[in-house]
Amino acid sequence: MEFTGKVKVIGATEQVSDKFKKRSLVVTIEGDYPQHIEVQAVQDKVVMFDNLLPGDEVTCYINLRGREWTSPKNEVKYFNTLECWKLETK
């Protein structure tokens, strides 16, 4: 999947654990009702966002990720992530 828009927010790299890091990027898709889409890069892909500036036009190539989690109270919840694996600037 892919979409094109303008960079709105570039997040800092978060070291979640010794072996896992992630970074977020918010991209705005213009239109009558602008959409602000947050994508995430993980591990060695976090450097894709290094040279971006707010306002840059980009195409994000993403994979949809989802997972199930059971709370200590035995409630089941679902989480979705848009994982960016490739980024092109215009």
Protein backbone atom coordinates (compact mmCIF):
# COMPACT_ATOMS: atom_id res chain seq x y z
CA MET A 1 0.00 0.00 0.00
CA GLU A 2 1.11 3.55 -0.53
CA PHE A 3 -0.07 7.13 -0.14
CA THR A 4 1.34 10.59 -0.82
CA GLY A 5 1.13 13.70 1.33
CA LYS A 6 3.07 16.40 3.15
CA VAL A 7 5.14 15.85 6.29
CA LYS A 8 3.49 17.41 9.33
CA VAL A 9 5.37 15.98 12.34
CA ILE A 10 8.64 14.05 12.60
CA GLY A 11 8.97 12.13 15.84
CA ALA A 12 12.13 11.30 17.73
CA THR A 13 13.51 7.78 17.73
CA GLU A 14 12.29 5.81 20.76
CA GLN A 15 14.46 2.99 22.12
CA VAL A 16 11.68 0.73 23.38
CA SER A 17 13.98 -2.08 24.52
CA ASP A 18 17.56 -3.23 24.01
CA LYS A 19 16.56 -4.82 20.72
CA PHE A 20 13.71 -2.63 19.47
CA LYS A 21 13.43 1.01 18.36
CA LYS A 22 10.72 2.93 16.53
CA ARG A 23 10.00 6.38 15.13
CA SER A 24 6.77 8.03 14.00
CA LEU A 25 5.93 10.38 11.17
CA VAL A 26 2.66 12.23 10.55
CA VAL A 27 1.79 12.89 6.92
CA THR A 28 -1.14 15.08 5.84
CA ILE A 29 -3.17 14.07 2.81
CA GLU A 30 -4.77 17.24 1.45
CA GLY A 31 -8.36 17.46 0.25
CA ASP A 32 -11.73 18.79 1.33
CA TYR A 33 -11.21 16.91 4.59
CA PRO A 34 -7.44 16.69 5.23
CA GLN A 35 -6.31 13.44 6.82
CA HIS A 36 -3.36 13.31 9.22
CA ILE A 37 -1.90 9.82 8.96
CA GLU A 38 0.67 8.53 11.46
CA VAL A 39 3.09 5.91 10.20
CA GLN A 40 5.86 4.17 12.07
CA ALA A 41 9.34 2.98 11.09
CA VAL A 42 11.09 0.33 13.14
CA GLN A 43 14.65 -0.89 13.66
CA ASP A 44 17.07 0.12 10.88
CA LYS A 45 14.28 1.90 8.96
CA VAL A 46 14.07 4.78 11.50
CA VAL A 47 16.82 6.62 9.59
CA MET A 48 14.42 7.11 6.65
CA PHE A 49 12.98 10.13 8.47
CA ASP A 50 16.35 11.77 9.26
CA ASN A 51 16.52 14.32 6.44
CA LEU A 52 12.83 15.22 6.28
CA LEU A 53 11.41 18.65 7.04
CA PRO A 54 7.80 19.65 7.74
CA GLY A 55 6.16 20.47 4.42
CA ASP A 56 8.18 17.95 2.37
CA GLU A 57 6.05 15.92 -0.01
CA VAL A 58 6.55 12.19 0.45
CA THR A 59 5.17 8.88 -0.70
CA CYS A 60 4.94 6.32 2.10
CA TYR A 61 4.93 2.62 1.33
CA ILE A 62 3.33 0.80 4.22
CA ASN A 63 2.31 -2.56 5.59
CA LEU A 64 -0.74 -2.83 7.82
CA ARG A 65 0.09 -4.50 11.12
CA GLY A 66 -2.33 -5.60 13.82
CA ARG A 67 -2.11 -7.46 17.07
CA GLU A 68 -4.29 -8.78 19.83
CA TRP A 69 -3.56 -8.11 23.50
CA THR A 70 -5.23 -9.50 26.59
CA SER A 71 -5.19 -7.23 29.65
CA PRO A 72 -4.62 -8.45 33.21
CA LYS A 73 -8.42 -8.17 33.60
CA ASN A 74 -8.78 -10.60 30.69
CA GLU A 75 -10.12 -7.93 28.32
CA VAL A 76 -9.09 -8.43 24.71
CA LYS A 77 -7.97 -5.34 22.78
CA TYR A 78 -6.71 -4.85 19.24
CA PHE A 79 -4.01 -2.47 18.03
CA ASN A 80 -3.17 -1.42 14.47
CA THR A 81 0.02 0.08 13.09
CA LEU A 82 0.91 1.49 9.69
CA GLU A 83 4.51 0.37 9.29
CA CYS A 84 6.50 2.37 6.73
CA TRP A 85 9.09 0.26 4.95
CA LYS A 86 9.99 2.67 2.13
CA LEU A 87 9.79 6.43 1.73
CA GLU A 88 10.24 8.58 -1.38
CA THR A 89 10.52 12.35 -1.38
CA LYS A 90 9.10 14.38 -4.27
